[in-house]
Amino acid sequence: MTFSQIGGARLGIFNATWPLAKLAADPDELKLWVMGIKFAFPKASITKISVYSALISKGLRIEHDGNSNAPRFVVFWPPNLAKLTEALAQLGYQVS
């Protein structure tokens, strides 16, 4: 099973609004594309996935071990956080 959503993303201090990002998930890896640049997070490199609250929206923060080409601070802004967290749970990811 795979799942993907179009949304926005924050990478470090850079923020891309909807529809400039896409998150795709399968049981082995999360992939994030932001304005055509791909960041891959193998499941073994993900240290924590959590709900991140900003002023007016909620996103999904992906914390990783630093072996990715992505910045340490990564947030995906989905249009439907509940649907995304449910799909991730079905794929074996724990969201806190």
N, C-alpha and C. Protein backbone atom coordinates (compact mmCIF):
# COMPACT_ATOMS: atom_id res chain seq x y z
N MET A 1 0.84 -1.19 0.00
CA MET A 1 0.00 0.00 0.00
C MET A 1 0.88 1.24 0.00
N THR A 2 0.47 2.23 -0.74
CA THR A 2 1.13 3.53 -0.72
C THR A 2 0.07 4.61 -0.52
N PHE A 3 0.51 5.77 -0.09
CA PHE A 3 -0.39 6.88 0.15
C PHE A 3 0.35 8.16 -0.20
N SER A 4 -0.35 9.13 -0.76
CA SER A 4 0.28 10.43 -1.02
C SER A 4 -0.75 11.55 -0.85
N GLN A 5 -0.23 12.72 -0.52
CA GLN A 5 -1.04 13.92 -0.39
C GLN A 5 -0.25 15.11 -0.91
N ILE A 6 -0.95 16.03 -1.52
CA ILE A 6 -0.38 17.32 -1.92
C ILE A 6 -0.63 18.28 -0.77
N GLY A 7 0.34 19.12 -0.49
CA GLY A 7 0.19 20.09 0.59
C GLY A 7 1.29 21.14 0.51
N GLY A 8 1.70 21.60 1.66
CA GLY A 8 2.80 22.54 1.78
C GLY A 8 3.88 21.92 2.64
N ALA A 9 5.00 22.62 2.79
CA ALA A 9 6.07 22.08 3.61
C ALA A 9 6.93 23.20 4.15
N ARG A 10 7.51 22.94 5.30
CA ARG A 10 8.51 23.84 5.87
C ARG A 10 9.80 23.04 6.03
N LEU A 11 10.85 23.58 5.46
CA LEU A 11 12.18 22.98 5.54
C LEU A 11 13.11 24.02 6.16
N GLY A 12 13.47 23.82 7.41
CA GLY A 12 14.26 24.84 8.09
C GLY A 12 13.45 26.12 8.18
N ILE A 13 13.98 27.21 7.63
CA ILE A 13 13.24 28.49 7.66
C ILE A 13 12.43 28.72 6.38
N PHE A 14 12.59 27.85 5.37
CA PHE A 14 11.86 27.99 4.11
C PHE A 14 10.49 27.34 4.22
N ASN A 15 9.46 28.06 3.80
CA ASN A 15 8.10 27.54 3.84
C ASN A 15 7.50 27.58 2.44
N ALA A 16 7.01 26.45 1.95
CA ALA A 16 6.34 26.35 0.65
C ALA A 16 4.87 26.06 0.91
N THR A 17 4.00 26.88 0.37
CA THR A 17 2.57 26.71 0.60
C THR A 17 1.98 25.69 -0.36
N TRP A 18 0.72 25.29 -0.08
CA TRP A 18 -0.01 24.38 -0.94
C TRP A 18 -0.11 25.01 -2.31
N PRO A 19 0.08 24.34 -3.38
CA PRO A 19 0.30 22.92 -3.62
C PRO A 19 1.75 22.60 -3.99
N LEU A 20 2.70 23.24 -3.34
CA LEU A 20 4.10 23.13 -3.75
C LEU A 20 4.86 21.96 -3.13
N ALA A 21 4.16 21.11 -2.37
CA ALA A 21 4.82 19.96 -1.76
C ALA A 21 3.93 18.72 -1.91
N LYS A 22 4.59 17.57 -1.88
CA LYS A 22 3.87 16.29 -1.92
C LYS A 22 4.58 15.33 -0.98
N LEU A 23 3.81 14.64 -0.17
CA LEU A 23 4.34 13.60 0.70
C LEU A 23 3.79 12.26 0.22
N ALA A 24 4.68 11.31 0.01
CA ALA A 24 4.29 9.95 -0.37
C ALA A 24 4.85 9.00 0.67
N ALA A 25 4.06 7.99 1.02
CA ALA A 25 4.47 7.03 2.05
C ALA A 25 4.23 5.62 1.57
N ASP A 26 5.15 4.75 1.91
CA ASP A 26 4.96 3.31 1.76
C ASP A 26 5.54 2.67 3.01
N PRO A 27 5.44 1.38 3.19
CA PRO A 27 5.90 0.77 4.44
C PRO A 27 7.39 0.96 4.74
N ASP A 28 8.18 1.30 3.75
CA ASP A 28 9.63 1.40 3.94
C ASP A 28 10.19 2.81 3.99
N GLU A 29 9.42 3.80 3.49
CA GLU A 29 10.02 5.12 3.30
C GLU A 29 8.96 6.21 3.16
N LEU A 30 9.30 7.40 3.64
CA LEU A 30 8.54 8.60 3.34
C LEU A 30 9.34 9.40 2.33
N LYS A 31 8.65 9.95 1.34
CA LYS A 31 9.30 10.81 0.35
C LYS A 31 8.58 12.13 0.33
N LEU A 32 9.34 13.21 0.33
CA LEU A 32 8.78 14.55 0.31
C LEU A 32 9.38 15.30 -0.86
N TRP A 33 8.52 15.80 -1.72
CA TRP A 33 8.95 16.65 -2.82
C TRP A 33 8.51 18.07 -2.51
N VAL A 34 9.44 18.99 -2.58
CA VAL A 34 9.13 20.40 -2.37
C VAL A 34 9.68 21.17 -3.57
N MET A 35 8.78 21.73 -4.34
CA MET A 35 9.13 22.49 -5.54
C MET A 35 10.09 21.69 -6.43
N GLY A 36 9.81 20.40 -6.58
CA GLY A 36 10.58 19.54 -7.47
C GLY A 36 11.81 18.91 -6.85
N ILE A 37 12.15 19.26 -5.63
CA ILE A 37 13.31 18.67 -4.96
C ILE A 37 12.82 17.54 -4.07
N LYS A 38 13.44 16.37 -4.21
CA LYS A 38 13.00 15.18 -3.47
C LYS A 38 13.87 14.97 -2.23
N PHE A 39 13.19 14.69 -1.12
CA PHE A 39 13.84 14.32 0.13
C PHE A 39 13.31 12.95 0.52
N ALA A 40 14.19 12.02 0.82
CA ALA A 40 13.79 10.66 1.17
C ALA A 40 14.12 10.38 2.63
N PHE A 41 13.17 9.74 3.31
CA PHE A 41 13.33 9.38 4.72
C PHE A 41 13.06 7.89 4.87
N PRO A 42 14.10 7.05 4.75
CA PRO A 42 13.88 5.63 5.01
C PRO A 42 13.33 5.45 6.42
N LYS A 43 12.47 4.48 6.60
CA LYS A 43 11.82 4.28 7.90
C LYS A 43 12.84 4.17 9.04
N ALA A 44 13.96 3.52 8.79
CA ALA A 44 14.98 3.35 9.83
C ALA A 44 15.63 4.67 10.23
N SER A 45 15.55 5.69 9.38
CA SER A 45 16.17 6.98 9.69
C SER A 45 15.22 7.94 10.41
N ILE A 46 13.95 7.60 10.47
CA ILE A 46 12.96 8.47 11.13
C ILE A 46 12.98 8.19 12.62
N THR A 47 13.26 9.24 13.40
CA THR A 47 13.31 9.09 14.85
C THR A 47 11.98 9.42 15.51
N LYS A 48 11.18 10.28 14.87
CA LYS A 48 9.88 10.64 15.45
C LYS A 48 9.02 11.33 14.39
N ILE A 49 7.74 11.01 14.40
CA ILE A 49 6.76 11.72 13.58
C ILE A 49 5.70 12.25 14.56
N SER A 50 5.44 13.55 14.49
CA SER A 50 4.50 14.13 15.46
C SER A 50 3.67 15.23 14.81
N VAL A 51 2.55 15.53 15.45
CA VAL A 51 1.70 16.63 15.01
C VAL A 51 2.37 17.92 15.46
N TYR A 52 2.48 18.87 14.54
CA TYR A 52 3.13 20.15 14.81
C TYR A 52 2.09 21.25 14.66
N SER A 53 1.92 22.06 15.68
CA SER A 53 0.93 23.15 15.64
C SER A 53 1.63 24.48 15.40
N ALA A 54 1.14 25.20 14.40
CA ALA A 54 1.59 26.55 14.12
C ALA A 54 0.45 27.50 14.46
N LEU A 55 0.57 28.75 14.11
CA LEU A 55 -0.44 29.74 14.47
C LEU A 55 -1.85 29.36 14.02
N ILE A 56 -2.00 29.02 12.74
CA ILE A 56 -3.35 28.75 12.22
C ILE A 56 -3.49 27.38 11.58
N SER A 57 -2.47 26.57 11.64
CA SER A 57 -2.57 25.25 11.00
C SER A 57 -1.79 24.21 11.76
N LYS A 58 -2.08 22.96 11.41
CA LYS A 58 -1.38 21.83 12.00
C LYS A 58 -0.71 21.05 10.88
N GLY A 59 0.49 20.59 11.18
CA GLY A 59 1.24 19.83 10.21
C GLY A 59 1.82 18.57 10.82
N LEU A 60 2.60 17.89 10.03
CA LEU A 60 3.24 16.65 10.46
C LEU A 60 4.75 16.88 10.46
N ARG A 61 5.35 16.84 11.64
CA ARG A 61 6.79 17.04 11.75
C ARG A 61 7.49 15.69 11.61
N ILE A 62 8.52 15.67 10.77
CA ILE A 62 9.31 14.46 10.55
C ILE A 62 10.69 14.71 11.12
N GLU A 63 11.03 13.99 12.18
CA GLU A 63 12.35 14.10 12.75
C GLU A 63 13.16 12.90 12.28
N HIS A 64 14.40 13.16 11.89
CA HIS A 64 15.22 12.11 11.31
C HIS A 64 16.63 12.16 11.88
N ASP A 65 17.40 11.12 11.59
CA ASP A 65 18.73 10.98 12.18
C ASP A 65 19.80 11.83 11.53
N GLY A 66 19.44 12.62 10.55
CA GLY A 66 20.39 13.53 9.92
C GLY A 66 21.10 12.95 8.71
N ASN A 67 20.81 11.72 8.35
CA ASN A 67 21.45 11.10 7.19
C ASN A 67 20.73 11.42 5.89
N SER A 68 19.70 12.24 5.96
CA SER A 68 18.96 12.65 4.77
C SER A 68 19.56 13.96 4.26
N ASN A 69 19.24 14.32 3.02
CA ASN A 69 19.66 15.62 2.51
C ASN A 69 18.71 16.73 2.96
N ALA A 70 17.73 16.39 3.78
CA ALA A 70 16.76 17.36 4.27
C ALA A 70 17.29 18.09 5.49
N PRO A 71 16.82 19.32 5.70
CA PRO A 71 17.17 20.02 6.94
C PRO A 71 16.66 19.26 8.15
N ARG A 72 17.16 19.58 9.30
CA ARG A 72 16.73 18.90 10.53
C ARG A 72 15.27 19.22 10.85
N PHE A 73 14.79 20.42 10.53
CA PHE A 73 13.41 20.80 10.82
C PHE A 73 12.58 20.64 9.56
N VAL A 74 11.68 19.64 9.56
CA VAL A 74 10.83 19.34 8.40
C VAL A 74 9.39 19.21 8.88
N VAL A 75 8.49 19.96 8.25
CA VAL A 75 7.06 19.86 8.52
C VAL A 75 6.32 19.78 7.19
N PHE A 76 5.40 18.85 7.09
CA PHE A 76 4.51 18.76 5.92
C PHE A 76 3.16 19.30 6.35
N TRP A 77 2.60 20.24 5.58
CA TRP A 77 1.29 20.84 5.88
C TRP A 77 0.24 20.15 5.00
N PRO A 78 -0.48 19.17 5.53
CA PRO A 78 -1.45 18.44 4.71
C PRO A 78 -2.82 19.13 4.69
N PRO A 79 -3.61 18.87 3.67
CA PRO A 79 -4.97 19.40 3.67
C PRO A 79 -5.88 18.63 4.63
N ASN A 80 -5.51 17.39 4.94
CA ASN A 80 -6.33 16.56 5.82
C ASN A 80 -5.39 15.75 6.73
N LEU A 81 -5.07 16.32 7.89
CA LEU A 81 -4.13 15.69 8.80
C LEU A 81 -4.64 14.36 9.33
N ALA A 82 -5.94 14.27 9.62
CA ALA A 82 -6.50 13.01 10.15
C ALA A 82 -6.35 11.88 9.14
N LYS A 83 -6.62 12.16 7.89
CA LYS A 83 -6.49 11.14 6.84
C LYS A 83 -5.03 10.71 6.68
N LEU A 84 -4.12 11.68 6.77
CA LEU A 84 -2.70 11.38 6.64
C LEU A 84 -2.21 10.53 7.81
N THR A 85 -2.56 10.89 9.04
CA THR A 85 -2.08 10.12 10.19
C THR A 85 -2.67 8.71 10.19
N GLU A 86 -3.92 8.58 9.75
CA GLU A 86 -4.54 7.25 9.65
C GLU A 86 -3.82 6.38 8.62
N ALA A 87 -3.51 6.96 7.47
CA ALA A 87 -2.80 6.22 6.43
C ALA A 87 -1.40 5.81 6.90
N LEU A 88 -0.71 6.72 7.59
CA LEU A 88 0.62 6.40 8.10
C LEU A 88 0.55 5.26 9.12
N ALA A 89 -0.46 5.27 9.98
CA ALA A 89 -0.63 4.20 10.97
C ALA A 89 -0.83 2.86 10.26
N GLN A 90 -1.61 2.84 9.20
CA GLN A 90 -1.84 1.62 8.44
C GLN A 90 -0.56 1.11 7.78
N LEU A 91 0.37 2.04 7.51
CA LEU A 91 1.65 1.66 6.91
C LEU A 91 2.71 1.33 7.94
N GLY A 92 2.35 1.43 9.23
CA GLY A 92 3.28 1.04 10.29
C GLY A 92 4.08 2.17 10.91
N TYR A 93 3.68 3.42 10.65
CA TYR A 93 4.35 4.57 11.25
C TYR A 93 3.57 5.02 12.48
N GLN A 94 4.28 5.36 13.53
CA GLN A 94 3.66 5.86 14.74
C GLN A 94 3.71 7.39 14.74
N VAL A 95 2.56 8.03 14.88
CA VAL A 95 2.47 9.47 14.94
C VAL A 95 2.05 9.87 16.34
N SER A 96 2.85 10.74 16.97
CA SER A 96 2.52 11.17 18.33
C SER A 96 2.03 12.60 18.36
